[in-house]
PDB file of N, CA and C in Angstrom:
ATOM      1  N   MET A   1      32.603-194.304 -53.347  1.00  0.00           N
ATOM      2  CA  MET A   1      32.735-195.210 -54.469  1.00  0.00           C
ATOM      3  C   MET A   1      33.988-194.899 -55.283  1.00  0.00           C
ATOM      4  N   ASP A   2      34.370-193.625 -55.379  1.00  0.00           N
ATOM      5  CA  ASP A   2      35.548-193.234 -56.128  1.00  0.00           C
ATOM      6  C   ASP A   2      36.809-193.830 -55.508  1.00  0.00           C
ATOM      7  N   THR A   3      36.892-193.887 -54.187  1.00  0.00           N
ATOM      8  CA  THR A   3      38.043-194.476 -53.503  1.00  0.00           C
ATOM      9  C   THR A   3      38.136-195.965 -53.809  1.00  0.00           C
ATOM     10  N   PHE A   4      37.010-196.646 -53.818  1.00  0.00           N
ATOM     11  CA  PHE A   4      36.991-198.076 -54.125  1.00  0.00           C
ATOM     12  C   PHE A   4      37.437-198.320 -55.561  1.00  0.00           C
ATOM     13  N   ARG A   5      36.972-197.513 -56.482  1.00  0.00           N
ATOM     14  CA  ARG A   5      37.353-197.641 -57.898  1.00  0.00           C
ATOM     15  C   ARG A   5      38.857-197.410 -58.074  1.00  0.00           C
ATOM     16  N   THR A   6      39.393-196.412 -57.389  1.00  0.00           N
ATOM     17  CA  THR A   6      40.829-196.148 -57.448  1.00  0.00           C
ATOM     18  C   THR A   6      41.607-197.330 -56.880  1.00  0.00           C
ATOM     19  N   ALA A   7      41.139-197.878 -55.767  1.00  0.00           N
ATOM     20  CA  ALA A   7      41.805-199.037 -55.162  1.00  0.00           C
ATOM     21  C   ALA A   7      41.807-200.227 -56.120  1.00  0.00           C
ATOM     22  N   LEU A   8      40.701-200.475 -56.793  1.00  0.00           N
ATOM     23  CA  LEU A   8      40.650-201.561 -57.777  1.00  0.00           C
ATOM     24  C   LEU A   8      41.595-201.299 -58.949  1.00  0.00           C
ATOM     25  N   THR A   9      41.663-200.060 -59.384  1.00  0.00           N
ATOM     26  CA  THR A   9      42.556-199.683 -60.485  1.00  0.00           C
ATOM     27  C   THR A   9      44.015-199.916 -60.099  1.00  0.00           C
ATOM     28  N   VAL A  10      44.391-199.463 -58.911  1.00  0.00           N
ATOM     29  CA  VAL A  10      45.761-199.661 -58.431  1.00  0.00           C
ATOM     30  C   VAL A  10      46.051-201.153 -58.274  1.00  0.00           C
ATOM     31  N   GLY A  11      45.103-201.895 -57.728  1.00  0.00           N
ATOM     32  CA  GLY A  11      45.291-203.333 -57.544  1.00  0.00           C
ATOM     33  C   GLY A  11      45.469-204.069 -58.856  1.00  0.00           C
ATOM     34  N   LEU A  12      44.686-203.710 -59.857  1.00  0.00           N
ATOM     35  CA  LEU A  12      44.815-204.316 -61.177  1.00  0.00           C
ATOM     36  C   LEU A  12      46.195-204.025 -61.768  1.00  0.00           C
ATOM     37  N   GLY A  13      46.600-202.761 -61.692  1.00  0.00           N
ATOM     38  CA  GLY A  13      47.913-202.377 -62.202  1.00  0.00           C
ATOM     39  C   GLY A  13      49.040-203.078 -61.460  1.00  0.00           C
ATOM     40  N   ALA A  14      48.918-203.178 -60.134  1.00  0.00           N
ATOM     41  CA  ALA A  14      49.953-203.825 -59.330  1.00  0.00           C
ATOM     42  C   ALA A  14      50.089-205.302 -59.687  1.00  0.00           C
ATOM     43  N   GLY A  15      48.967-205.944 -59.899  1.00  0.00           N
ATOM     44  CA  GLY A  15      48.996-207.349 -60.297  1.00  0.00           C
ATOM     45  C   GLY A  15      49.696-207.532 -61.627  1.00  0.00           C
ATOM     46  N   LEU A  16      49.383-206.675 -62.589  1.00  0.00           N
ATOM     47  CA  LEU A  16      50.031-206.751 -63.902  1.00  0.00           C
ATOM     48  C   LEU A  16      51.527-206.483 -63.797  1.00  0.00           C
ATOM     49  N   GLY A  17      51.893-205.484 -63.007  1.00  0.00           N
ATOM     50  CA  GLY A  17      53.311-205.161 -62.829  1.00  0.00           C
ATOM     51  C   GLY A  17      54.079-206.298 -62.185  1.00  0.00           C
ATOM     52  N   ALA A  18      53.475-206.934 -61.191  1.00  0.00           N
ATOM     53  CA  ALA A  18      54.134-208.059 -60.518  1.00  0.00           C
ATOM     54  C   ALA A  18      54.314-209.241 -61.467  1.00  0.00           C
ATOM     55  N   VAL A  19      53.344-209.480 -62.328  1.00  0.00           N
ATOM     56  CA  VAL A  19      53.460-210.570 -63.301  1.00  0.00           C
ATOM     57  C   VAL A  19      54.602-210.285 -64.277  1.00  0.00           C
ATOM     58  N   VAL A  20      54.694-209.056 -64.765  1.00  0.00           N
ATOM     59  CA  VAL A  20      55.768-208.700 -65.691  1.00  0.00           C
ATOM     60  C   VAL A  20      57.128-208.844 -65.000  1.00  0.00           C
ATOM     61  N   ARG A  21      57.240-208.374 -63.747  1.00  0.00           N
ATOM     62  CA  ARG A  21      58.499-208.528 -63.008  1.00  0.00           C
ATOM     63  C   ARG A  21      58.857-209.998 -62.867  1.00  0.00           C
ATOM     64  N   HIS A  22      57.884-210.817 -62.520  1.00  0.00           N
ATOM     65  CA  HIS A  22      58.127-212.254 -62.371  1.00  0.00           C
ATOM     66  C   HIS A  22      58.631-212.857 -63.683  1.00  0.00           C
ATOM     67  N   LEU A  23      58.030-212.468 -64.789  1.00  0.00           N
ATOM     68  CA  LEU A  23      58.458-212.979 -66.090  1.00  0.00           C
ATOM     69  C   LEU A  23      59.896-212.567 -66.407  1.00  0.00           C
ATOM     70  N   VAL A  24      60.258-211.346 -66.074  1.00  0.00           N
ATOM     71  CA  VAL A  24      61.630-210.876 -66.283  1.00  0.00           C
ATOM     72  C   VAL A  24      62.597-211.691 -65.432  1.00  0.00           C
ATOM     73  N   LEU A  25      62.237-211.930 -64.180  1.00  0.00           N
ATOM     74  CA  LEU A  25      63.141-212.619 -63.256  1.00  0.00           C
ATOM     75  C   LEU A  25      63.220-214.124 -63.507  1.00  0.00           C
ATOM     76  N   LEU A  26      62.324-214.673 -64.314  1.00  0.00           N
ATOM     77  CA  LEU A  26      62.388-216.105 -64.643  1.00  0.00           C
ATOM     78  C   LEU A  26      63.669-216.464 -65.397  1.00  0.00           C
ATOM     79  N   SER A  27      64.300-215.478 -66.012  1.00  0.00           N
ATOM     80  CA  SER A  27      65.508-215.754 -66.786  1.00  0.00           C
ATOM     81  C   SER A  27      66.745-215.949 -65.916  1.00  0.00           C
ATOM     82  N   ALA A  28      66.613-215.799 -64.602  1.00  0.00           N
ATOM     83  CA  ALA A  28      67.748-215.973 -63.692  1.00  0.00           C
ATOM     84  C   ALA A  28      67.370-216.946 -62.578  1.00  0.00           C
ATOM     85  N   ALA A  29      68.351-217.679 -62.109  1.00  0.00           N
ATOM     86  CA  ALA A  29      68.120-218.614 -61.000  1.00  0.00           C
ATOM     87  C   ALA A  29      67.817-217.825 -59.722  1.00  0.00           C
ATOM     88  N   PRO A  30      66.797-218.233 -58.979  1.00  0.00           N
ATOM     89  CA  PRO A  30      66.463-217.533 -57.728  1.00  0.00           C
ATOM     90  C   PRO A  30      67.675-217.477 -56.789  1.00  0.00           C
ATOM     91  N   GLY A  31      67.903-216.302 -56.205  1.00  0.00           N
ATOM     92  CA  GLY A  31      68.999-216.131 -55.258  1.00  0.00           C
ATOM     93  C   GLY A  31      70.360-215.929 -55.902  1.00  0.00           C
ATOM     94  N   SER A  32      70.413-215.928 -57.230  1.00  0.00           N
ATOM     95  CA  SER A  32      71.695-215.777 -57.922  1.00  0.00           C
ATOM     96  C   SER A  32      72.064-214.299 -58.055  1.00  0.00           C
ATOM     97  N   THR A  33      73.307-214.073 -58.410  1.00  0.00           N
ATOM     98  CA  THR A  33      73.764-212.709 -58.679  1.00  0.00           C
ATOM     99  C   THR A  33      72.999-212.127 -59.858  1.00  0.00           C
ATOM    100  N   ALA A  34      72.699-212.950 -60.838  1.00  0.00           N
ATOM    101  CA  ALA A  34      71.924-212.479 -62.002  1.00  0.00           C
ATOM    102  C   ALA A  34      70.533-212.022 -61.576  1.00  0.00           C
ATOM    103  N   ALA A  35      69.908-212.761 -60.664  1.00  0.00           N
ATOM    104  CA  ALA A  35      68.573-212.368 -60.180  1.00  0.00           C
ATOM    105  C   ALA A  35      68.647-211.042 -59.433  1.00  0.00           C
ATOM    106  N   LEU A  36      69.700-210.863 -58.631  1.00  0.00           N
ATOM    107  CA  LEU A  36      69.873-209.596 -57.912  1.00  0.00           C
ATOM    108  C   LEU A  36      70.086-208.454 -58.901  1.00  0.00           C
ATOM    109  N   ALA A  37      70.909-208.676 -59.921  1.00  0.00           N
ATOM    110  CA  ALA A  37      71.158-207.645 -60.929  1.00  0.00           C
ATOM    111  C   ALA A  37      69.880-207.297 -61.686  1.00  0.00           C
ATOM    112  N   LEU A  38      69.091-208.313 -62.035  1.00  0.00           N
ATOM    113  CA  LEU A  38      67.821-208.054 -62.721  1.00  0.00           C
ATOM    114  C   LEU A  38      66.851-207.288 -61.829  1.00  0.00           C
ATOM    115  N   THR A  39      66.843-207.609 -60.545  1.00  0.00           N
ATOM    116  CA  THR A  39      65.972-206.897 -59.602  1.00  0.00           C
ATOM    117  C   THR A  39      66.384-205.431 -59.513  1.00  0.00           C
ATOM    118  N   PHE A  40      67.699-205.175 -59.445  1.00  0.00           N
ATOM    119  CA  PHE A  40      68.179-203.791 -59.461  1.00  0.00           C
ATOM    120  C   PHE A  40      67.722-203.096 -60.746  1.00  0.00           C
ATOM    121  N   ALA A  41      67.867-203.771 -61.889  1.00  0.00           N
ATOM    122  CA  ALA A  41      67.491-203.183 -63.175  1.00  0.00           C
ATOM    123  C   ALA A  41      65.995-202.877 -63.240  1.00  0.00           C
ATOM    124  N   VAL A  42      65.181-203.811 -62.764  1.00  0.00           N
ATOM    125  CA  VAL A  42      63.730-203.608 -62.733  1.00  0.00           C
ATOM    126  C   VAL A  42      63.390-202.397 -61.866  1.00  0.00           C
ATOM    127  N   ASN A  43      63.993-202.309 -60.693  1.00  0.00           N
ATOM    128  CA  ASN A  43      63.708-201.185 -59.800  1.00  0.00           C
ATOM    129  C   ASN A  43      64.140-199.855 -60.410  1.00  0.00           C
ATOM    130  N   MET A  44      65.313-199.844 -61.037  1.00  0.00           N
ATOM    131  CA  MET A  44      65.784-198.602 -61.651  1.00  0.00           C
ATOM    132  C   MET A  44      64.895-198.208 -62.824  1.00  0.00           C
ATOM    133  N   LEU A  45      64.510-199.173 -63.652  1.00  0.00           N
ATOM    134  CA  LEU A  45      63.632-198.890 -64.784  1.00  0.00           C
ATOM    135  C   LEU A  45      62.278-198.365 -64.314  1.00  0.00           C
ATOM    136  N   GLY A  46      61.707-199.015 -63.304  1.00  0.00           N
ATOM    137  CA  GLY A  46      60.416-198.580 -62.775  1.00  0.00           C
ATOM    138  C   GLY A  46      60.472-197.185 -62.176  1.00  0.00           C
ATOM    139  N   CYS A  47      61.518-196.897 -61.423  1.00  0.00           N
ATOM    140  CA  CYS A  47      61.659-195.564 -60.816  1.00  0.00           C
ATOM    141  C   CYS A  47      61.899-194.498 -61.886  1.00  0.00           C
ATOM    142  N   PHE A  48      62.713-194.839 -62.893  1.00  0.00           N
ATOM    143  CA  PHE A  48      62.947-193.920 -64.000  1.00  0.00           C
ATOM    144  C   PHE A  48      61.633-193.602 -64.717  1.00  0.00           C
ATOM    145  N   ALA A  49      60.850-194.639 -65.008  1.00  0.00           N
ATOM    146  CA  ALA A  49      59.564-194.448 -65.695  1.00  0.00           C
ATOM    147  C   ALA A  49      58.611-193.606 -64.850  1.00  0.00           C
ATOM    148  N   MET A  50      58.622-193.812 -63.539  1.00  0.00           N
ATOM    149  CA  MET A  50      57.757-193.025 -62.658  1.00  0.00           C
ATOM    150  C   MET A  50      58.125-191.539 -62.740  1.00  0.00           C
ATOM    151  N   GLY A  51      59.416-191.254 -62.734  1.00  0.00           N
ATOM    152  CA  GLY A  51      59.848-189.860 -62.834  1.00  0.00           C
ATOM    153  C   GLY A  51      59.604-189.269 -64.213  1.00  0.00           C
ATOM    154  N   LEU A  52      59.831-190.059 -65.253  1.00  0.00           N
ATOM    155  CA  LEU A  52      59.708-189.565 -66.620  1.00  0.00           C
ATOM    156  C   LEU A  52      58.258-189.301 -67.026  1.00  0.00           C
ATOM    157  N   TYR A  53      57.360-190.193 -66.645  1.00  0.00           N
ATOM    158  CA  TYR A  53      55.980-190.096 -67.112  1.00  0.00           C
ATOM    159  C   TYR A  53      54.989-189.559 -66.082  1.00  0.00           C
ATOM    160  N   LYS A  54      55.329-189.611 -64.801  1.00  0.00           N
ATOM    161  CA  LYS A  54      54.423-189.182 -63.730  1.00  0.00           C
ATOM    162  C   LYS A  54      53.021-189.764 -63.968  1.00  0.00           C
ATOM    163  N   PRO A  55      52.956-191.112 -64.034  1.00  0.00           N
ATOM    164  CA  PRO A  55      51.686-191.762 -64.382  1.00  0.00           C
ATOM    165  C   PRO A  55      50.656-191.698 -63.255  1.00  0.00           C
ATOM    166  N   GLY A  56      49.423-191.969 -63.614  1.00  0.00           N
ATOM    167  CA  GLY A  56      48.322-191.972 -62.658  1.00  0.00           C
ATOM    168  C   GLY A  56      48.247-193.277 -61.880  1.00  0.00           C
ATOM    169  N   PRO A  57      47.116-193.523 -61.239  1.00  0.00           N
ATOM    170  CA  PRO A  57      46.975-194.683 -60.351  1.00  0.00           C
ATOM    171  C   PRO A  57      47.207-196.041 -61.022  1.00  0.00           C
ATOM    172  N   LEU A  58      46.691-196.258 -62.218  1.00  0.00           N
ATOM    173  CA  LEU A  58      46.833-197.564 -62.859  1.00  0.00           C
ATOM    174  C   LEU A  58      48.290-197.861 -63.180  1.00  0.00           C
ATOM    175  N   TRP A  59      48.967-196.948 -63.857  1.00  0.00           N
ATOM    176  CA  TRP A  59      50.344-197.186 -64.299  1.00  0.00           C
ATOM    177  C   TRP A  59      51.381-196.781 -63.254  1.00  0.00           C
ATOM    178  N   GLY A  60      51.066-195.838 -62.399  1.00  0.00           N
ATOM    179  CA  GLY A  60      52.036-195.370 -61.401  1.00  0.00           C
ATOM    180  C   GLY A  60      52.063-196.244 -60.166  1.00  0.00           C
ATOM    181  N   ALA A  61      51.185-195.920 -59.233  1.00  0.00           N
ATOM    182  CA  ALA A  61      51.125-196.705 -57.989  1.00  0.00           C
ATOM    183  C   ALA A  61      50.789-198.157 -58.283  1.00  0.00           C
ATOM    184  N   GLY A  62      50.038-198.398 -59.341  1.00  0.00           N
ATOM    185  CA  GLY A  62      49.637-199.752 -59.699  1.00  0.00           C
ATOM    186  C   GLY A  62      50.740-200.525 -60.389  1.00  0.00           C
ATOM    187  N   PHE A  63      50.844-200.379 -61.715  1.00  0.00           N
ATOM    188  CA  PHE A  63      51.781-201.186 -62.501  1.00  0.00           C
ATOM    189  C   PHE A  63      53.229-201.007 -62.042  1.00  0.00           C
ATOM    190  N   LEU A  64      53.704-199.762 -61.971  1.00  0.00           N
ATOM    191  CA  LEU A  64      55.105-199.553 -61.589  1.00  0.00           C
ATOM    192  C   LEU A  64      55.355-199.917 -60.128  1.00  0.00           C
ATOM    193  N   GLY A  65      54.352-199.735 -59.284  1.00  0.00           N
ATOM    194  CA  GLY A  65      54.481-200.159 -57.890  1.00  0.00           C
ATOM    195  C   GLY A  65      54.595-201.669 -57.768  1.00  0.00           C
ATOM    196  N   GLY A  66      53.842-202.398 -58.592  1.00  0.00           N
ATOM    197  CA  GLY A  66      53.923-203.855 -58.586  1.00  0.00           C
ATOM    198  C   GLY A  66      55.146-204.377 -59.319  1.00  0.00           C
ATOM    199  N   PHE A  67      55.595-203.637 -60.326  1.00  0.00           N
ATOM    200  CA  PHE A  67      56.762-204.023 -61.111  1.00  0.00           C
ATOM    201  C   PHE A  67      58.041-203.930 -60.283  1.00  0.00           C
ATOM    202  N   THR A  68      58.176-202.849 -59.538  1.00  0.00           N
ATOM    203  CA  THR A  68      59.359-202.677 -58.689  1.00  0.00           C
ATOM    204  C   THR A  68      59.173-203.456 -57.392  1.00  0.00           C
ATOM    205  N   THR A  69      60.284-203.721 -56.713  1.00  0.00           N
ATOM    206  CA  THR A  69      60.187-204.496 -55.476  1.00  0.00           C
ATOM    207  C   THR A  69      61.316-204.143 -54.522  1.00  0.00           C
ATOM    208  N   PHE A  70      60.969-203.841 -53.310  1.00  0.00           N
ATOM    209  CA  PHE A  70      61.987-203.692 -52.276  1.00  0.00           C
ATOM    210  C   PHE A  70      62.125-204.992 -51.501  1.00  0.00           C
ATOM    211  N   SER A  71      61.075-205.785 -51.497  1.00  0.00           N
ATOM    212  CA  SER A  71      61.119-207.027 -50.715  1.00  0.00           C
ATOM    213  C   SER A  71      62.163-207.997 -51.253  1.00  0.00           C
ATOM    214  N   ALA A  72      62.316-208.090 -52.571  1.00  0.00           N
ATOM    215  CA  ALA A  72      63.324-208.997 -53.130  1.00  0.00           C
ATOM    216  C   ALA A  72      64.728-208.526 -52.776  1.00  0.00           C
ATOM    217  N   ILE A  73      64.929-207.222 -52.755  1.00  0.00           N
ATOM    218  CA  ILE A  73      66.225-206.669 -52.340  1.00  0.00           C
ATOM    219  C   ILE A  73      66.461-206.992 -50.864  1.00  0.00           C
ATOM    220  N   SER A  74      65.426-206.875 -50.053  1.00  0.00           N
ATOM    221  CA  SER A  74      65.545-207.168 -48.618  1.00  0.00           C
ATOM    222  C   SER A  74      65.896-208.629 -48.371  1.00  0.00           C
ATOM    223  N   VAL A  75      65.276-209.529 -49.114  1.00  0.00           N
ATOM    224  CA  VAL A  75      65.574-210.961 -48.974  1.00  0.00           C
ATOM    225  C   VAL A  75      67.019-211.230 -49.364  1.00  0.00           C
ATOM    226  N   ALA A  76      67.464-210.643 -50.472  1.00  0.00           N
ATOM    227  CA  ALA A  76      68.861-210.822 -50.900  1.00  0.00           C
ATOM    228  C   ALA A  76      69.817-210.296 -49.836  1.00  0.00           C
ATOM    229  N   ALA A  77      69.468-209.176 -49.241  1.00  0.00           N
ATOM    230  CA  ALA A  77      70.315-208.603 -48.195  1.00  0.00           C
ATOM    231  C   ALA A  77      70.363-209.512 -46.966  1.00  0.00           C
ATOM    232  N   MET A  78      69.223-210.060 -46.593  1.00  0.00           N
ATOM    233  CA  MET A  78      69.177-210.917 -45.397  1.00  0.00           C
ATOM    234  C   MET A  78      69.951-212.215 -45.592  1.00  0.00           C
ATOM    235  N   GLN A  79      70.154-212.626 -46.823  1.00  0.00           N
ATOM    236  CA  GLN A  79      70.888-213.851 -47.105  1.00  0.00           C
ATOM    237  C   GLN A  79      72.381-213.595 -47.271  1.00  0.00           C
ATOM    238  N   SER A  80      72.805-212.365 -47.029  1.00  0.00           N
ATOM    239  CA  SER A  80      74.203-211.981 -47.218  1.00  0.00           C
ATOM    240  C   SER A  80      74.845-211.633 -45.877  1.00  0.00           C
ATOM    241  N   GLU A  81      76.156-211.513 -45.901  1.00  0.00           N
ATOM    242  CA  GLU A  81      76.867-211.029 -44.723  1.00  0.00           C
ATOM    243  C   GLU A  81      76.446-209.591 -44.469  1.00  0.00           C
ATOM    244  N   ALA A  82      76.623-209.123 -43.233  1.00  0.00           N
ATOM    245  CA  ALA A  82      76.123-207.809 -42.823  1.00  0.00           C
ATOM    246  C   ALA A  82      76.622-206.683 -43.713  1.00  0.00           C
ATOM    247  N   ILE A  83      77.899-206.630 -44.010  1.00  0.00           N
ATOM    248  CA  ILE A  83      78.424-205.526 -44.816  1.00  0.00           C
ATOM    249  C   ILE A  83      77.888-205.576 -46.248  1.00  0.00           C
ATOM    250  N   ILE A  84      77.746-206.779 -46.796  1.00  0.00           N
ATOM    251  CA  ILE A  84      77.180-206.932 -48.143  1.00  0.00           C
ATOM    252  C   ILE A  84      75.707-206.525 -48.128  1.00  0.00           C
ATOM    253  N   ALA A  85      74.997-206.892 -47.089  1.00  0.00           N
ATOM    254  CA  ALA A  85      73.587-206.517 -46.954  1.00  0.00           C
ATOM    255  C   ALA A  85      73.437-204.997 -46.930  1.00  0.00           C
ATOM    256  N   LEU A  86      74.301-204.343 -46.187  1.00  0.00           N
ATOM    257  CA  LEU A  86      74.261-202.881 -46.116  1.00  0.00           C
ATOM    258  C   LEU A  86      74.503-202.269 -47.495  1.00  0.00           C
ATOM    259  N   VAL A  87      75.458-202.798 -48.228  1.00  0.00           N
ATOM    260  CA  VAL A  87      75.758-202.300 -49.572  1.00  0.00           C
ATOM    261  C   VAL A  87      74.557-202.523 -50.497  1.00  0.00           C
ATOM    262  N   ILE A  88      73.961-203.701 -50.440  1.00  0.00           N
ATOM    263  CA  ILE A  88      72.811-204.009 -51.296  1.00  0.00           C
ATOM    264  C   ILE A  88      71.658-203.043 -51.043  1.00  0.00           C
ATOM    265  N   VAL A  89      71.313-202.853 -49.779  1.00  0.00           N
ATOM    266  CA  VAL A  89      70.181-201.981 -49.441  1.00  0.00           C
ATOM    267  C   VAL A  89      70.488-200.523 -49.782  1.00  0.00           C
ATOM    268  N   ALA A  90      71.674-200.050 -49.402  1.00  0.00           N
ATOM    269  CA  ALA A  90      72.027-198.651 -49.668  1.00  0.00           C
ATOM    270  C   ALA A  90      72.114-198.379 -51.166  1.00  0.00           C
ATOM    271  N   LEU A  91      72.714-199.294 -51.908  1.00  0.00           N
ATOM    272  CA  LEU A  91      72.839-199.127 -53.352  1.00  0.00           C
ATOM    273  C   LEU A  91      71.472-199.150 -54.033  1.00  0.00           C
ATOM    274  N   SER A  92      70.621-200.058 -53.612  1.00  0.00           N
ATOM    275  CA  SER A  92      69.277-200.131 -54.174  1.00  0.00           C
ATOM    276  C   SER A  92      68.506-198.838 -53.935  1.00  0.00           C
ATOM    277  N   PHE A  93      68.560-198.356 -52.702  1.00  0.00           N
ATOM    278  CA  PHE A  93      67.861-197.125 -52.339  1.00  0.00           C
ATOM    279  C   PHE A  93      68.398-195.951 -53.161  1.00  0.00           C
ATOM    280  N   ALA A  94      69.713-195.799 -53.191  1.00  0.00           N
ATOM    281  CA  ALA A  94      70.324-194.674 -53.902  1.00  0.00           C
ATOM    282  C   ALA A  94      70.056-194.742 -55.400  1.00  0.00           C
ATOM    283  N   MET A  95      70.206-195.926 -55.976  1.00  0.00           N
ATOM    284  CA  MET A  95      70.003-196.066 -57.417  1.00  0.00           C
ATOM    285  C   MET A  95      68.550-195.819 -57.807  1.00  0.00           C
ATOM    286  N   SER A  96      67.630-196.217 -56.974  1.00  0.00           N
ATOM    287  CA  SER A  96      66.212-195.989 -57.265  1.00  0.00           C
ATOM    288  C   SER A  96      65.887-194.497 -57.233  1.00  0.00           C
ATOM    289  N   ILE A  97      66.411-193.787 -56.248  1.00  0.00           N
ATOM    290  CA  ILE A  97      66.169-192.341 -56.159  1.00  0.00           C
ATOM    291  C   ILE A  97      66.813-191.614 -57.335  1.00  0.00           C
ATOM    292  N   VAL A  98      68.057-191.965 -57.653  1.00  0.00           N
ATOM    293  CA  VAL A  98      68.742-191.335 -58.784  1.00  0.00           C
ATOM    294  C   VAL A  98      67.983-191.608 -60.084  1.00  0.00           C
ATOM    295  N   SER A  99      67.488-192.821 -60.259  1.00  0.00           N
ATOM    296  CA  SER A  99      66.731-193.166 -61.466  1.00  0.00           C
ATOM    297  C   SER A  99      65.465-192.332 -61.570  1.00  0.00           C
ATOM    298  N   TYR A 100      64.744-192.189 -60.449  1.00  0.00           N
ATOM    299  CA  TYR A 100      63.540-191.362 -60.453  1.00  0.00           C
ATOM    300  C   TYR A 100      63.891-189.914 -60.807  1.00  0.00           C
ATOM    301  N   LEU A 101      64.926-189.383 -60.155  1.00  0.00           N
ATOM    302  CA  LEU A 101      65.304-187.991 -60.396  1.00  0.00           C
ATOM    303  C   LEU A 101      65.759-187.760 -61.838  1.00  0.00           C
ATOM    304  N   LEU A 102      66.435-188.717 -62.422  1.00  0.00           N
ATOM    305  CA  LEU A 102      66.840-188.602 -63.817  1.00  0.00           C
ATOM    306  C   LEU A 102      65.614-188.543 -64.721  1.00  0.00           C
ATOM    307  N   GLY A 103      64.660-189.440 -64.491  1.00  0.00           N
ATOM    308  CA  GLY A 103      63.422-189.414 -65.265  1.00  0.00           C
ATOM    309  C   GLY A 103      62.663-188.113 -65.083  1.00  0.00           C
ATOM    310  N   HIS A 104      62.573-187.656 -63.846  1.00  0.00           N
ATOM    311  CA  HIS A 104      61.881-186.406 -63.526  1.00  0.00           C
ATOM    312  C   HIS A 104      62.543-185.221 -64.229  1.00  0.00           C
ATOM    313  N   THR A 105      63.878-185.185 -64.187  1.00  0.00           N
ATOM    314  CA  THR A 105      64.615-184.090 -64.834  1.00  0.00           C
ATOM    315  C   THR A 105      64.388-184.092 -66.345  1.00  0.00           C
ATOM    316  N   LEU A 106      64.408-185.259 -66.940  1.00  0.00           N
ATOM    317  CA  LEU A 106      64.151-185.350 -68.381  1.00  0.00           C
ATOM    318  C   LEU A 106      62.737-184.899 -68.717  1.00  0.00           C
ATOM    319  N   ARG A 107      61.761-185.267 -67.883  1.00  0.00           N
ATOM    320  CA  ARG A 107      60.380-184.833 -68.119  1.00  0.00           C
ATOM    321  C   ARG A 107      60.259-183.325 -68.017  1.00  0.00           C
ATOM    322  N   GLU A 108      60.902-182.743 -67.009  1.00  0.00           N
ATOM    323  CA  GLU A 108      60.843-181.283 -66.824  1.00  0.00           C
ATOM    324  C   GLU A 108      61.489-180.550 -68.002  1.00  0.00           C
ATOM    325  N   ARG A 109      62.601-181.058 -68.477  1.00  0.00           N
ATOM    326  CA  ARG A 109      63.278-180.425 -69.612  1.00  0.00           C
ATOM    327  C   ARG A 109      62.456-180.527 -70.880  1.00  0.00           C
ATOM    328  N   ARG A 110      61.781-181.659 -71.045  1.00  0.00           N
ATOM    329  CA  ARG A 110      60.971-181.890 -72.233  1.00  0.00           C
ATOM    330  C   ARG A 110      59.731-180.995 -72.236  1.00  0.00           C
ATOM    331  N   HIS A 111      59.156-180.760 -71.049  1.00  0.00           N
ATOM    332  CA  HIS A 111      57.911-179.983 -70.968  1.00  0.00           C
ATOM    333  C   HIS A 111      58.109-178.572 -70.443  1.00  0.00           C
ATOM    334  N   GLY A 112      59.293-178.261 -70.013  1.00  0.00           N
ATOM    335  CA  GLY A 112      59.529-176.959 -69.374  1.00  0.00           C
ATOM    336  C   GLY A 112      60.172-176.020 -70.273  1.00  0.00           C
TER     337      GLY A 112
END
C-alpha cells in the first residue's frame, strides 16, 4: 500500500508541475525560439530547485519532474537541422546538470 500511495503522490505532483510548465509556456508561440528559451529556463530552474532543496516524492520526482521536460527539447531538436539539434540536446543536458550541481553546492554550503 505504501508503494501505491507514493505513486499517487508522485502522480499528483507531476500533474501539477506539468500544468505550471504549460502555463509558463503559454506566453510563447509553440515552436518559436522564445518557447525553446522558456523550456531551457524551466528545465534549469527545476534542476536547480531539485539540487537546492532535495525534495521528496511530491515536490521532487512529482512536481519538479512534471515541471521539467526533455520531450519538448527533443521535439525542438527533431525540427532542426542535425547540427542545431545536437547543440540543443547537448546544451540542454549540460545546462540541466550544471543547474542541479549549483543548487546542490549551495545546499551543502548552507547546511554543511
